[in-house]
Amino acid sequence: QVQLVESGGGLVQPGGSLKLSCAASGSGFSINAMAWYRQAPGKQRELVARITSSGRTNYADSVKGRFTISRDNAKNTVYLQMNSLKPEDTAVYYCNADTCAVVSCFASWGQGTQVTVSS
């Protein structure tokens, strides 16, 4: 099993920036891709950004050019730098990791961190 713990959420004004972090802990696993998802009230959870073990990235169209996902494999940590934030970015942001153990691969999720963009 893998535990994911997010940090860095909070309240920011439109146009501001936040950097989210997610650290993975546990044993007997390897992590392939890591990603950030978000969910606003009344809406489905959506993929925001994803990064593979080799560093290849993809982004939702709504955040492309404003958000940057990165990872530090030595620290088992993934980051999401969010710039030029908009009120539409307000959501709970969740860290995700595609985790492989001996038996199988599965998705691990953090508890989420609230990001609120408001004036």
PDB file of N, CA and C in Angstrom:
ATOM      1  N   GLN A   1       0.816  -1.192   0.000  1.00  0.00           N
ATOM      2  CA  GLN A   1       0.000   0.000   0.000  1.00  0.00           C
ATOM      3  C   GLN A   1       0.862   1.259   0.000  1.00  0.00           C
ATOM      4  N   VAL A   2       0.280   2.309  -0.557  1.00  0.00           N
ATOM      5  CA  VAL A   2       0.948   3.596  -0.648  1.00  0.00           C
ATOM      6  C   VAL A   2       0.042   4.654  -0.044  1.00  0.00           C
ATOM      7  N   GLN A   3       0.624   5.531   0.757  1.00  0.00           N
ATOM      8  CA  GLN A   3      -0.100   6.673   1.297  1.00  0.00           C
ATOM      9  C   GLN A   3       0.370   7.942   0.596  1.00  0.00           C
ATOM     10  N   LEU A   4      -0.579   8.770   0.186  1.00  0.00           N
ATOM     11  CA  LEU A   4      -0.282  10.032  -0.476  1.00  0.00           C
ATOM     12  C   LEU A   4      -0.791  11.169   0.396  1.00  0.00           C
ATOM     13  N   VAL A   5       0.051  12.161   0.643  1.00  0.00           N
ATOM     14  CA  VAL A   5      -0.307  13.297   1.477  1.00  0.00           C
ATOM     15  C   VAL A   5      -0.053  14.577   0.707  1.00  0.00           C
ATOM     16  N   GLU A   6      -1.120  15.344   0.483  1.00  0.00           N
ATOM     17  CA  GLU A   6      -1.019  16.609  -0.230  1.00  0.00           C
ATOM     18  C   GLU A   6      -0.801  17.763   0.736  1.00  0.00           C
ATOM     19  N   SER A   7      -0.205  18.826   0.222  1.00  0.00           N
ATOM     20  CA  SER A   7      -0.054  20.058   0.975  1.00  0.00           C
ATOM     21  C   SER A   7       0.027  21.224   0.001  1.00  0.00           C
ATOM     22  N   GLY A   8      -0.215  22.427   0.499  1.00  0.00           N
ATOM     23  CA  GLY A   8      -0.044  23.628  -0.301  1.00  0.00           C
ATOM     24  C   GLY A   8      -1.311  24.318  -0.749  1.00  0.00           C
ATOM     25  N   GLY A   9      -2.466  23.749  -0.477  1.00  0.00           N
ATOM     26  CA  GLY A   9      -3.706  24.392  -0.858  1.00  0.00           C
ATOM     27  C   GLY A   9      -3.987  25.612   0.002  1.00  0.00           C
ATOM     28  N   GLY A  10      -4.989  26.388  -0.407  1.00  0.00           N
ATOM     29  CA  GLY A  10      -5.351  27.571   0.347  1.00  0.00           C
ATOM     30  C   GLY A  10      -6.182  28.532  -0.464  1.00  0.00           C
ATOM     31  N   LEU A  11      -6.295  29.752   0.045  1.00  0.00           N
ATOM     32  CA  LEU A  11      -7.055  30.819  -0.592  1.00  0.00           C
ATOM     33  C   LEU A  11      -6.099  31.768  -1.298  1.00  0.00           C
ATOM     34  N   VAL A  12      -6.410  32.084  -2.546  1.00  0.00           N
ATOM     35  CA  VAL A  12      -5.574  32.984  -3.330  1.00  0.00           C
ATOM     36  C   VAL A  12      -6.463  33.858  -4.201  1.00  0.00           C
ATOM     37  N   GLN A  13      -6.013  35.068  -4.478  1.00  0.00           N
ATOM     38  CA  GLN A  13      -6.766  35.964  -5.346  1.00  0.00           C
ATOM     39  C   GLN A  13      -6.562  35.610  -6.809  1.00  0.00           C
ATOM     40  N   PRO A  14      -7.518  35.966  -7.666  1.00  0.00           N
ATOM     41  CA  PRO A  14      -7.328  35.725  -9.099  1.00  0.00           C
ATOM     42  C   PRO A  14      -6.013  36.314  -9.593  1.00  0.00           C
ATOM     43  N   GLY A  15      -5.323  35.545 -10.425  1.00  0.00           N
ATOM     44  CA  GLY A  15      -4.026  35.952 -10.919  1.00  0.00           C
ATOM     45  C   GLY A  15      -2.869  35.511 -10.056  1.00  0.00           C
ATOM     46  N   GLY A  16      -3.157  34.996  -8.885  1.00  0.00           N
ATOM     47  CA  GLY A  16      -2.128  34.550  -7.969  1.00  0.00           C
ATOM     48  C   GLY A  16      -1.618  33.165  -8.286  1.00  0.00           C
ATOM     49  N   SER A  17      -0.730  32.679  -7.426  1.00  0.00           N
ATOM     50  CA  SER A  17      -0.085  31.389  -7.634  1.00  0.00           C
ATOM     51  C   SER A  17      -0.112  30.553  -6.365  1.00  0.00           C
ATOM     52  N   LEU A  18      -0.120  29.253  -6.550  1.00  0.00           N
ATOM     53  CA  LEU A  18       0.028  28.279  -5.480  1.00  0.00           C
ATOM     54  C   LEU A  18       0.849  27.121  -6.005  1.00  0.00           C
ATOM     55  N   LYS A  19       1.559  26.458  -5.105  1.00  0.00           N
ATOM     56  CA  LYS A  19       2.277  25.243  -5.458  1.00  0.00           C
ATOM     57  C   LYS A  19       1.843  24.119  -4.536  1.00  0.00           C
ATOM     58  N   LEU A  20       1.283  23.073  -5.125  1.00  0.00           N
ATOM     59  CA  LEU A  20       0.853  21.906  -4.385  1.00  0.00           C
ATOM     60  C   LEU A  20       1.956  20.852  -4.388  1.00  0.00           C
ATOM     61  N   SER A  21       2.048  20.117  -3.290  1.00  0.00           N
ATOM     62  CA  SER A  21       2.991  19.018  -3.183  1.00  0.00           C
ATOM     63  C   SER A  21       2.254  17.763  -2.743  1.00  0.00           C
ATOM     64  N   CYS A  22       2.752  16.625  -3.164  1.00  0.00           N
ATOM     65  CA  CYS A  22       2.185  15.342  -2.766  1.00  0.00           C
ATOM     66  C   CYS A  22       3.328  14.361  -2.569  1.00  0.00           C
ATOM     67  N   ALA A  23       3.465  13.863  -1.359  1.00  0.00           N
ATOM     68  CA  ALA A  23       4.522  12.928  -1.026  1.00  0.00           C
ATOM     69  C   ALA A  23       3.956  11.526  -0.822  1.00  0.00           C
ATOM     70  N   ALA A  24       4.574  10.547  -1.443  1.00  0.00           N
ATOM     71  CA  ALA A  24       4.170   9.152  -1.313  1.00  0.00           C
ATOM     72  C   ALA A  24       5.042   8.448  -0.288  1.00  0.00           C
ATOM     73  N   SER A  25       4.419   7.621   0.525  1.00  0.00           N
ATOM     74  CA  SER A  25       5.155   6.840   1.507  1.00  0.00           C
ATOM     75  C   SER A  25       4.619   5.414   1.547  1.00  0.00           C
ATOM     76  N   GLY A  26       5.438   4.506   2.014  1.00  0.00           N
ATOM     77  CA  GLY A  26       5.092   3.106   2.083  1.00  0.00           C
ATOM     78  C   GLY A  26       6.277   2.256   1.688  1.00  0.00           C
ATOM     79  N   SER A  27       6.021   0.983   1.459  1.00  0.00           N
ATOM     80  CA  SER A  27       7.083   0.071   1.073  1.00  0.00           C
ATOM     81  C   SER A  27       6.532  -1.001   0.149  1.00  0.00           C
ATOM     82  N   GLY A  28       7.420  -1.652  -0.550  1.00  0.00           N
ATOM     83  CA  GLY A  28       7.031  -2.739  -1.428  1.00  0.00           C
ATOM     84  C   GLY A  28       6.258  -2.300  -2.659  1.00  0.00           C
ATOM     85  N   PHE A  29       6.560  -1.117  -3.156  1.00  0.00           N
ATOM     86  CA  PHE A  29       5.846  -0.611  -4.324  1.00  0.00           C
ATOM     87  C   PHE A  29       6.773   0.149  -5.245  1.00  0.00           C
ATOM     88  N   SER A  30       6.317   0.339  -6.451  1.00  0.00           N
ATOM     89  CA  SER A  30       6.932   1.263  -7.384  1.00  0.00           C
ATOM     90  C   SER A  30       5.833   2.109  -7.997  1.00  0.00           C
ATOM     91  N   ILE A  31       6.155   3.339  -8.337  1.00  0.00           N
ATOM     92  CA  ILE A  31       5.177   4.266  -8.886  1.00  0.00           C
ATOM     93  C   ILE A  31       5.496   4.546 -10.341  1.00  0.00           C
ATOM     94  N   ASN A  32       4.488   4.390 -11.160  1.00  0.00           N
ATOM     95  CA  ASN A  32       4.631   4.747 -12.565  1.00  0.00           C
ATOM     96  C   ASN A  32       4.206   6.206 -12.750  1.00  0.00           C
ATOM     97  N   ALA A  33       3.066   6.444 -13.358  1.00  0.00           N
ATOM     98  CA  ALA A  33       2.613   7.813 -13.553  1.00  0.00           C
ATOM     99  C   ALA A  33       2.053   8.407 -12.258  1.00  0.00           C
ATOM    100  N   MET A  34       2.168   9.717 -12.113  1.00  0.00           N
ATOM    101  CA  MET A  34       1.534  10.455 -11.043  1.00  0.00           C
ATOM    102  C   MET A  34       0.719  11.575 -11.679  1.00  0.00           C
ATOM    103  N   ALA A  35      -0.318  11.997 -10.989  1.00  0.00           N
ATOM    104  CA  ALA A  35      -1.224  12.969 -11.581  1.00  0.00           C
ATOM    105  C   ALA A  35      -1.913  13.797 -10.514  1.00  0.00           C
ATOM    106  N   TRP A  36      -2.454  14.921 -10.951  1.00  0.00           N
ATOM    107  CA  TRP A  36      -3.332  15.749 -10.143  1.00  0.00           C
ATOM    108  C   TRP A  36      -4.711  15.779 -10.781  1.00  0.00           C
ATOM    109  N   TYR A  37      -5.720  15.540  -9.977  1.00  0.00           N
ATOM    110  CA  TYR A  37      -7.113  15.673 -10.360  1.00  0.00           C
ATOM    111  C   TYR A  37      -7.751  16.767  -9.520  1.00  0.00           C
ATOM    112  N   ARG A  38      -8.905  17.247  -9.957  1.00  0.00           N
ATOM    113  CA  ARG A  38      -9.651  18.199  -9.151  1.00  0.00           C
ATOM    114  C   ARG A  38     -11.139  17.943  -9.301  1.00  0.00           C
ATOM    115  N   GLN A  39     -11.890  18.351  -8.284  1.00  0.00           N
ATOM    116  CA  GLN A  39     -13.326  18.187  -8.294  1.00  0.00           C
ATOM    117  C   GLN A  39     -13.979  19.404  -7.654  1.00  0.00           C
ATOM    118  N   ALA A  40     -14.796  20.087  -8.438  1.00  0.00           N
ATOM    119  CA  ALA A  40     -15.589  21.203  -7.945  1.00  0.00           C
ATOM    120  C   ALA A  40     -16.951  20.682  -7.501  1.00  0.00           C
ATOM    121  N   PRO A  41     -17.643  21.411  -6.615  1.00  0.00           N
ATOM    122  CA  PRO A  41     -18.954  20.958  -6.143  1.00  0.00           C
ATOM    123  C   PRO A  41     -19.925  20.695  -7.288  1.00  0.00           C
ATOM    124  N   GLY A  42     -20.572  19.537  -7.258  1.00  0.00           N
ATOM    125  CA  GLY A  42     -21.549  19.186  -8.269  1.00  0.00           C
ATOM    126  C   GLY A  42     -20.976  18.735  -9.595  1.00  0.00           C
ATOM    127  N   LYS A  43     -19.661  18.605  -9.685  1.00  0.00           N
ATOM    128  CA  LYS A  43     -19.027  18.214 -10.930  1.00  0.00           C
ATOM    129  C   LYS A  43     -18.219  16.938 -10.747  1.00  0.00           C
ATOM    130  N   GLN A  44     -17.930  16.276 -11.857  1.00  0.00           N
ATOM    131  CA  GLN A  44     -17.105  15.080 -11.834  1.00  0.00           C
ATOM    132  C   GLN A  44     -15.652  15.429 -11.586  1.00  0.00           C
ATOM    133  N   ARG A  45     -14.936  14.489 -11.011  1.00  0.00           N
ATOM    134  CA  ARG A  45     -13.507  14.653 -10.855  1.00  0.00           C
ATOM    135  C   ARG A  45     -12.846  14.622 -12.231  1.00  0.00           C
ATOM    136  N   GLU A  46     -11.952  15.561 -12.488  1.00  0.00           N
ATOM    137  CA  GLU A  46     -11.311  15.661 -13.786  1.00  0.00           C
ATOM    138  C   GLU A  46      -9.798  15.647 -13.651  1.00  0.00           C
ATOM    139  N   LEU A  47      -9.149  15.124 -14.669  1.00  0.00           N
ATOM    140  CA  LEU A  47      -7.696  15.127 -14.722  1.00  0.00           C
ATOM    141  C   LEU A  47      -7.197  16.529 -15.015  1.00  0.00           C
ATOM    142  N   VAL A  48      -6.268  17.003 -14.209  1.00  0.00           N
ATOM    143  CA  VAL A  48      -5.654  18.304 -14.398  1.00  0.00           C
ATOM    144  C   VAL A  48      -4.318  18.175 -15.116  1.00  0.00           C
ATOM    145  N   ALA A  49      -3.468  17.298 -14.613  1.00  0.00           N
ATOM    146  CA  ALA A  49      -2.141  17.111 -15.185  1.00  0.00           C
ATOM    147  C   ALA A  49      -1.622  15.736 -14.808  1.00  0.00           C
ATOM    148  N   ARG A  50      -0.776  15.177 -15.654  1.00  0.00           N
ATOM    149  CA  ARG A  50      -0.231  13.844 -15.452  1.00  0.00           C
ATOM    150  C   ARG A  50       1.229  13.849 -15.869  1.00  0.00           C
ATOM    151  N   ILE A  51       2.037  13.078 -15.156  1.00  0.00           N
ATOM    152  CA  ILE A  51       3.448  12.965 -15.494  1.00  0.00           C
ATOM    153  C   ILE A  51       3.877  11.518 -15.346  1.00  0.00           C
ATOM    154  N   THR A  52       4.575  10.997 -16.346  1.00  0.00           N
ATOM    155  CA  THR A  52       5.043   9.621 -16.318  1.00  0.00           C
ATOM    156  C   THR A  52       6.345   9.525 -15.548  1.00  0.00           C
ATOM    157  N   SER A  53       6.803   8.297 -15.347  1.00  0.00           N
ATOM    158  CA  SER A  53       8.050   8.075 -14.629  1.00  0.00           C
ATOM    159  C   SER A  53       9.250   8.653 -15.363  1.00  0.00           C
ATOM    160  N   SER A  54       9.138   8.795 -16.674  1.00  0.00           N
ATOM    161  CA  SER A  54      10.216   9.353 -17.468  1.00  0.00           C
ATOM    162  C   SER A  54      10.107  10.861 -17.653  1.00  0.00           C
ATOM    163  N   GLY A  55       9.036  11.462 -17.121  1.00  0.00           N
ATOM    164  CA  GLY A  55       8.902  12.902 -17.176  1.00  0.00           C
ATOM    165  C   GLY A  55       7.994  13.442 -18.258  1.00  0.00           C
ATOM    166  N   ARG A  56       7.364  12.579 -19.022  1.00  0.00           N
ATOM    167  CA  ARG A  56       6.425  13.047 -20.037  1.00  0.00           C
ATOM    168  C   ARG A  56       5.158  13.559 -19.374  1.00  0.00           C
ATOM    169  N   THR A  57       4.647  14.698 -19.855  1.00  0.00           N
ATOM    170  CA  THR A  57       3.504  15.347 -19.213  1.00  0.00           C
ATOM    171  C   THR A  57       2.351  15.547 -20.178  1.00  0.00           C
ATOM    172  N   ASN A  58       1.160  15.660 -19.617  1.00  0.00           N
ATOM    173  CA  ASN A  58       0.009  16.134 -20.361  1.00  0.00           C
ATOM    174  C   ASN A  58      -0.896  16.905 -19.414  1.00  0.00           C
ATOM    175  N   TYR A  59      -1.688  17.821 -19.992  1.00  0.00           N
ATOM    176  CA  TYR A  59      -2.496  18.742 -19.210  1.00  0.00           C
ATOM    177  C   TYR A  59      -3.893  18.862 -19.780  1.00  0.00           C
ATOM    178  N   ALA A  60      -4.824  19.173 -18.904  1.00  0.00           N
ATOM    179  CA  ALA A  60      -6.145  19.563 -19.364  1.00  0.00           C
ATOM    180  C   ALA A  60      -6.036  20.876 -20.134  1.00  0.00           C
ATOM    181  N   ASP A  61      -6.852  21.021 -21.165  1.00  0.00           N
ATOM    182  CA  ASP A  61      -6.805  22.243 -21.968  1.00  0.00           C
ATOM    183  C   ASP A  61      -7.037  23.494 -21.124  1.00  0.00           C
ATOM    184  N   SER A  62      -7.849  23.382 -20.098  1.00  0.00           N
ATOM    185  CA  SER A  62      -8.202  24.534 -19.289  1.00  0.00           C
ATOM    186  C   SER A  62      -7.044  25.078 -18.455  1.00  0.00           C
ATOM    187  N   VAL A  63      -6.004  24.274 -18.247  1.00  0.00           N
ATOM    188  CA  VAL A  63      -4.878  24.710 -17.423  1.00  0.00           C
ATOM    189  C   VAL A  63      -3.578  24.790 -18.200  1.00  0.00           C
ATOM    190  N   LYS A  64      -3.577  24.369 -19.431  1.00  0.00           N
ATOM    191  CA  LYS A  64      -2.359  24.353 -20.237  1.00  0.00           C
ATOM    192  C   LYS A  64      -1.784  25.764 -20.359  1.00  0.00           C
ATOM    193  N   GLY A  65      -0.504  25.880 -20.101  1.00  0.00           N
ATOM    194  CA  GLY A  65       0.165  27.167 -20.142  1.00  0.00           C
ATOM    195  C   GLY A  65       0.172  27.899 -18.823  1.00  0.00           C
ATOM    196  N   ARG A  66      -0.639  27.457 -17.866  1.00  0.00           N
ATOM    197  CA  ARG A  66      -0.711  28.093 -16.553  1.00  0.00           C
ATOM    198  C   ARG A  66      -0.184  27.188 -15.444  1.00  0.00           C
ATOM    199  N   PHE A  67      -0.415  25.881 -15.569  1.00  0.00           N
ATOM    200  CA  PHE A  67       0.002  24.916 -14.555  1.00  0.00           C
ATOM    201  C   PHE A  67       1.184  24.105 -15.060  1.00  0.00           C
ATOM    202  N   THR A  68       2.040  23.697 -14.148  1.00  0.00           N
ATOM    203  CA  THR A  68       3.170  22.845 -14.472  1.00  0.00           C
ATOM    204  C   THR A  68       3.271  21.712 -13.461  1.00  0.00           C
ATOM    205  N   ILE A  69       3.279  20.482 -13.950  1.00  0.00           N
ATOM    206  CA  ILE A  69       3.464  19.329 -13.082  1.00  0.00           C
ATOM    207  C   ILE A  69       4.918  18.881 -13.163  1.00  0.00           C
ATOM    208  N   SER A  70       5.469  18.480 -12.040  1.00  0.00           N
ATOM    209  CA  SER A  70       6.836  17.985 -11.999  1.00  0.00           C
ATOM    210  C   SER A  70       6.934  16.930 -10.908  1.00  0.00           C
ATOM    211  N   ARG A  71       8.033  16.198 -10.885  1.00  0.00           N
ATOM    212  CA  ARG A  71       8.206  15.176  -9.867  1.00  0.00           C
ATOM    213  C   ARG A  71       9.666  15.029  -9.491  1.00  0.00           C
ATOM    214  N   ASP A  72       9.870  14.578  -8.282  1.00  0.00           N
ATOM    215  CA  ASP A  72      11.189  14.256  -7.773  1.00  0.00           C
ATOM    216  C   ASP A  72      11.135  12.790  -7.366  1.00  0.00           C
ATOM    217  N   ASN A  73      11.659  11.925  -8.216  1.00  0.00           N
ATOM    218  CA  ASN A  73      11.556  10.492  -7.970  1.00  0.00           C
ATOM    219  C   ASN A  73      12.312  10.060  -6.713  1.00  0.00           C
ATOM    220  N   ALA A  74      13.405  10.733  -6.407  1.00  0.00           N
ATOM    221  CA  ALA A  74      14.166  10.399  -5.211  1.00  0.00           C
ATOM    222  C   ALA A  74      13.360  10.662  -3.947  1.00  0.00           C
ATOM    223  N   LYS A  75      12.483  11.663  -3.991  1.00  0.00           N
ATOM    224  CA  LYS A  75      11.645  12.010  -2.847  1.00  0.00           C
ATOM    225  C   LYS A  75      10.245  11.416  -2.929  1.00  0.00           C
ATOM    226  N   ASN A  76       9.951  10.702  -4.017  1.00  0.00           N
ATOM    227  CA  ASN A  76       8.604  10.177  -4.244  1.00  0.00           C
ATOM    228  C   ASN A  76       7.552  11.270  -4.097  1.00  0.00           C
ATOM    229  N   THR A  77       7.821  12.395  -4.714  1.00  0.00           N
ATOM    230  CA  THR A  77       6.977  13.564  -4.566  1.00  0.00           C
ATOM    231  C   THR A  77       6.623  14.143  -5.933  1.00  0.00           C
ATOM    232  N   VAL A  78       5.373  14.553  -6.077  1.00  0.00           N
ATOM    233  CA  VAL A  78       4.918  15.225  -7.279  1.00  0.00           C
ATOM    234  C   VAL A  78       4.435  16.616  -6.891  1.00  0.00           C
ATOM    235  N   TYR A  79       4.625  17.579  -7.791  1.00  0.00           N
ATOM    236  CA  TYR A  79       4.269  18.964  -7.533  1.00  0.00           C
ATOM    237  C   TYR A  79       3.335  19.476  -8.614  1.00  0.00           C
ATOM    238  N   LEU A  80       2.557  20.472  -8.265  1.00  0.00           N
ATOM    239  CA  LEU A  80       1.746  21.180  -9.241  1.00  0.00           C
ATOM    240  C   LEU A  80       1.898  22.671  -8.990  1.00  0.00           C
ATOM    241  N   GLN A  81       2.634  23.341  -9.864  1.00  0.00           N
ATOM    242  CA  GLN A  81       2.774  24.788  -9.803  1.00  0.00           C
ATOM    243  C   GLN A  81       1.620  25.406 -10.568  1.00  0.00           C
ATOM    244  N   MET A  82       0.830  26.222  -9.894  1.00  0.00           N
ATOM    245  CA  MET A  82      -0.362  26.825 -10.482  1.00  0.00           C
ATOM    246  C   MET A  82      -0.177  28.337 -10.523  1.00  0.00           C
ATOM    247  N   ASN A  83      -0.138  28.880 -11.718  1.00  0.00           N
ATOM    248  CA  ASN A  83       0.009  30.312 -11.925  1.00  0.00           C
ATOM    249  C   ASN A  83      -1.228  30.870 -12.605  1.00  0.00           C
ATOM    250  N   SER A  84      -1.368  32.191 -12.544  1.00  0.00           N
ATOM    251  CA  SER A  84      -2.492  32.879 -13.187  1.00  0.00           C
ATOM    252  C   SER A  84      -3.819  32.224 -12.836  1.00  0.00           C
ATOM    253  N   LEU A  85      -4.023  31.993 -11.563  1.00  0.00           N
ATOM    254  CA  LEU A  85      -5.205  31.268 -11.119  1.00  0.00           C
ATOM    255  C   LEU A  85      -6.484  32.053 -11.389  1.00  0.00           C
ATOM    256  N   LYS A  86      -7.520  31.313 -11.724  1.00  0.00           N
ATOM    257  CA  LYS A  86      -8.834  31.860 -12.031  1.00  0.00           C
ATOM    258  C   LYS A  86      -9.864  31.313 -11.055  1.00  0.00           C
ATOM    259  N   PRO A  87     -10.974  32.020 -10.849  1.00  0.00           N
ATOM    260  CA  PRO A  87     -12.027  31.478  -9.985  1.00  0.00           C
ATOM    261  C   PRO A  87     -12.496  30.086 -10.413  1.00  0.00           C
ATOM    262  N   GLU A  88     -12.454  29.803 -11.706  1.00  0.00           N
ATOM    263  CA  GLU A  88     -12.861  28.496 -12.212  1.00  0.00           C
ATOM    264  C   GLU A  88     -11.930  27.374 -11.766  1.00  0.00           C
ATOM    265  N   ASP A  89     -10.764  27.710 -11.240  1.00  0.00           N
ATOM    266  CA  ASP A  89      -9.836  26.704 -10.730  1.00  0.00           C
ATOM    267  C   ASP A  89     -10.195  26.245  -9.326  1.00  0.00           C
ATOM    268  N   THR A  90     -11.163  26.896  -8.705  1.00  0.00           N
ATOM    269  CA  THR A  90     -11.571  26.529  -7.352  1.00  0.00           C
ATOM    270  C   THR A  90     -12.095  25.100  -7.322  1.00  0.00           C
ATOM    271  N   ALA A  91     -11.494  24.270  -6.482  1.00  0.00           N
ATOM    272  CA  ALA A  91     -11.857  22.857  -6.401  1.00  0.00           C
ATOM    273  C   ALA A  91     -11.034  22.202  -5.304  1.00  0.00           C
ATOM    274  N   VAL A  92     -11.392  20.969  -4.996  1.00  0.00           N
ATOM    275  CA  VAL A  92     -10.525  20.129  -4.190  1.00  0.00           C
ATOM    276  C   VAL A  92      -9.580  19.413  -5.137  1.00  0.00           C
ATOM    277  N   TYR A  93      -8.298  19.517  -4.873  1.00  0.00           N
ATOM    278  CA  TYR A  93      -7.283  18.917  -5.719  1.00  0.00           C
ATOM    279  C   TYR A  93      -6.767  17.636  -5.072  1.00  0.00           C
ATOM    280  N   TYR A  94      -6.734  16.568  -5.861  1.00  0.00           N
ATOM    281  CA  TYR A  94      -6.341  15.248  -5.381  1.00  0.00           C
ATOM    282  C   TYR A  94      -5.089  14.757  -6.094  1.00  0.00           C
ATOM    283  N   CYS A  95      -4.192  14.198  -5.341  1.00  0.00           N
ATOM    284  CA  CYS A  95      -3.004  13.557  -5.874  1.00  0.00           C
ATOM    285  C   CYS A  95      -3.316  12.102  -6.202  1.00  0.00           C
ATOM    286  N   ASN A  96      -2.789  11.635  -7.301  1.00  0.00           N
ATOM    287  CA  ASN A  96      -2.994  10.255  -7.747  1.00  0.00           C
ATOM    288  C   ASN A  96      -1.663   9.642  -8.161  1.00  0.00           C
ATOM    289  N   ALA A  97      -1.506   8.361  -7.871  1.00  0.00           N
ATOM    290  CA  ALA A  97      -0.323   7.636  -8.302  1.00  0.00           C
ATOM    291  C   ALA A  97      -0.720   6.255  -8.802  1.00  0.00           C
ATOM    292  N   ASP A  98      -0.206   5.894  -9.963  1.00  0.00           N
ATOM    293  CA  ASP A  98      -0.363   4.534 -10.469  1.00  0.00           C
ATOM    294  C   ASP A  98       0.722   3.698  -9.827  1.00  0.00           C
ATOM    295  N   THR A  99       0.310   2.822  -8.923  1.00  0.00           N
ATOM    296  CA  THR A  99       1.216   2.112  -8.039  1.00  0.00           C
ATOM    297  C   THR A  99       1.254   0.633  -8.381  1.00  0.00           C
ATOM    298  N   CYS A 100       2.448   0.067  -8.445  1.00  0.00           N
ATOM    299  CA  CYS A 100       2.612  -1.348  -8.751  1.00  0.00           C
ATOM    300  C   CYS A 100       3.298  -2.060  -7.602  1.00  0.00           C
ATOM    301  N   ALA A 101       2.692  -3.145  -7.152  1.00  0.00           N
ATOM    302  CA  ALA A 101       3.287  -4.067  -6.197  1.00  0.00           C
ATOM    303  C   ALA A 101       3.572  -5.376  -6.929  1.00  0.00           C
ATOM    304  N   VAL A 102       3.909  -6.413  -6.190  1.00  0.00           N
ATOM    305  CA  VAL A 102       4.239  -7.689  -6.808  1.00  0.00           C
ATOM    306  C   VAL A 102       3.044  -8.272  -7.554  1.00  0.00           C
ATOM    307  N   VAL A 103       1.867  -8.170  -6.947  1.00  0.00           N
ATOM    308  CA  VAL A 103       0.677  -8.834  -7.480  1.00  0.00           C
ATOM    309  C   VAL A 103       0.065  -8.077  -8.650  1.00  0.00           C
ATOM    310  N   SER A 104      -0.076  -6.776  -8.511  1.00  0.00           N
ATOM    311  CA  SER A 104      -0.805  -6.003  -9.501  1.00  0.00           C
ATOM    312  C   SER A 104      -0.494  -4.522  -9.377  1.00  0.00           C
ATOM    313  N   CYS A 105      -1.069  -3.746 -10.292  1.00  0.00           N
ATOM    314  CA  CYS A 105      -0.980  -2.302 -10.244  1.00  0.00           C
ATOM    315  C   CYS A 105      -2.344  -1.726  -9.888  1.00  0.00           C
ATOM    316  N   PHE A 106      -2.361  -0.593  -9.194  1.00  0.00           N
ATOM    317  CA  PHE A 106      -3.596   0.002  -8.739  1.00  0.00           C
ATOM    318  C   PHE A 106      -3.398   1.499  -8.549  1.00  0.00           C
ATOM    319  N   ALA A 107      -4.507   2.195  -8.394  1.00  0.00           N
ATOM    320  CA  ALA A 107      -4.472   3.632  -8.178  1.00  0.00           C
ATOM    321  C   ALA A 107      -4.461   3.956  -6.692  1.00  0.00           C
ATOM    322  N   SER A 108      -3.600   4.883  -6.304  1.00  0.00           N
ATOM    323  CA  SER A 108      -3.577   5.409  -4.945  1.00  0.00           C
ATOM    324  C   SER A 108      -4.002   6.867  -4.979  1.00  0.00           C
ATOM    325  N   TRP A 109      -4.713   7.301  -3.956  1.00  0.00           N
ATOM    326  CA  TRP A 109      -5.257   8.658  -3.895  1.00  0.00           C
ATOM    327  C   TRP A 109      -4.943   9.327  -2.570  1.00  0.00           C
ATOM    328  N   GLY A 110      -4.684  10.619  -2.630  1.00  0.00           N
ATOM    329  CA  GLY A 110      -4.589  11.409  -1.426  1.00  0.00           C
ATOM    330  C   GLY A 110      -5.963  11.841  -0.953  1.00  0.00           C
ATOM    331  N   GLN A 111      -6.011  12.524   0.194  1.00  0.00           N
ATOM    332  CA  GLN A 111      -7.275  12.960   0.766  1.00  0.00           C
ATOM    333  C   GLN A 111      -7.814  14.237   0.137  1.00  0.00           C
ATOM    334  N   GLY A 112      -6.979  14.957  -0.571  1.00  0.00           N
ATOM    335  CA  GLY A 112      -7.396  16.173  -1.237  1.00  0.00           C
ATOM    336  C   GLY A 112      -7.021  17.420  -0.453  1.00  0.00           C
ATOM    337  N   THR A 113      -6.819  18.509  -1.178  1.00  0.00           N
ATOM    338  CA  THR A 113      -6.545  19.792  -0.563  1.00  0.00           C
ATOM    339  C   THR A 113      -7.350  20.864  -1.288  1.00  0.00           C
ATOM    340  N   GLN A 114      -7.977  21.749  -0.525  1.00  0.00           N
ATOM    341  CA  GLN A 114      -8.860  22.761  -1.089  1.00  0.00           C
ATOM    342  C   GLN A 114      -8.062  23.912  -1.670  1.00  0.00           C
ATOM    343  N   VAL A 115      -8.399  24.277  -2.892  1.00  0.00           N
ATOM    344  CA  VAL A 115      -7.868  25.475  -3.529  1.00  0.00           C
ATOM    345  C   VAL A 115      -9.042  26.393  -3.833  1.00  0.00           C
ATOM    346  N   THR A 116      -9.013  27.601  -3.290  1.00  0.00           N
ATOM    347  CA  THR A 116     -10.069  28.571  -3.510  1.00  0.00           C
ATOM    348  C   THR A 116      -9.472  29.827  -4.123  1.00  0.00           C
ATOM    349  N   VAL A 117      -9.994  30.221  -5.271  1.00  0.00           N
ATOM    350  CA  VAL A 117      -9.532  31.416  -5.978  1.00  0.00           C
ATOM    351  C   VAL A 117     -10.670  32.428  -5.945  1.00  0.00           C
ATOM    352  N   SER A 118     -10.484  33.491  -5.189  1.00  0.00           N
ATOM    353  CA  SER A 118     -11.547  34.465  -4.997  1.00  0.00           C
ATOM    354  C   SER A 118     -10.961  35.807  -4.602  1.00  0.00           C
ATOM    355  N   SER A 119     -11.635  36.873  -5.025  1.00  0.00           N
ATOM    356  CA  SER A 119     -11.249  38.214  -4.632  1.00  0.00           C
ATOM    357  C   SER A 119     -11.977  38.667  -3.381  1.00  0.00           C
TER     358      SER A 119
END
